[in-house]
Amino acid sequence: MKQLQQEKVVSQAFSRQSDIFDNIDNANSIILWMRDRVRKEVQMYIKPLSHILELNCGTGIDSVYFAKLGHRVLATDNAEGMLSALNQKIVSQQLSGVETLQCSFNNLEKIQNQQFDYVFSNFGGLNCTDNLEKILFDIDRLLKPGGSFSLVIMPIVCPWEVLMLFKGYFKTAFRRFKKNGANAHLEGVHFQCYYYNPSYITNRLKKKFKLVSLKSLSLTVPPPYIEHFKENHPRLFNVLERVEDSLCHRYPFNNWGDHYIITMQKS
């Protein structure tokens, strides 16, 4: 019952934002920076003409991108408004490589008789569940042997949030450390957000998967909610980007950040 209520309110929140989601995305230079890094990471490991399953696809910004590279994408999301926006893109852009399915990542058993070359989830969508373990086992079931996944997840330690301690924002500084999740809100709708370190994923899949890559995202570069940082401080941004480039793949820094991207390959 708790999970169903969580799904309902999260879907409601993102459906409310679906009409302006792309505009928000395009107006935030750090979101664009993060998305570009994620795509480059995926393209290092994905094989040509792959069949991709995207979880929490939103308005399909990444689904459309990968379809235009020649991949086939099953784009899934539980928010009706988000899928409606994506379906409009499919029609207007005459995209034959994207198929949509309204499906929560908590109910991937809905996908039967299909296996995929790659599973992809971006921007912390999976942080909206308290049952990531089940999703990981479903990903295992849905991936072909030799297939890979890339998940972009929010970890427990975000240096930019911890620094809020020195400004007296104690709740923000320690919100990710709460065992039962932290309250989040979008478009006036409140829901729980849960944080997972990379070890949560690797420990549960180590018998069947090997770790291919683990990199932090927005470790020294500010998170997207610090708006206009890149435009207002271009030189400082470039310095912070270079520092991130040197640290993002190194332990323990690759376990920290606003997000991290983890790629694993099935044996």
Foldseek 3Di string as FASTA:
>chain_A
DQQVVLQVLVLVQLLVCLVCVVVLCVQQVQSVVLVVVLVVVVVVPADAQWEEEEAQCFLPPVVVVVLVSNYAYEYEEQRPNRVVNNVVCCVVVVRPRYHYDHDHLVPLVVDPPAATQEYEYDDAPVQSDPPVLVSLVSNVVRYDAFHKYKYKHFALAAPVQLVCVVVVPVCSNRQQVDPVFHWDDGPRGIGGGHHHFVCVNCVSCVVFKDWDAFFARARQQHDRVVGCCCVVPVVVNVVSVVVRVVPGRDPPSSRYHRIMMTMMTTD
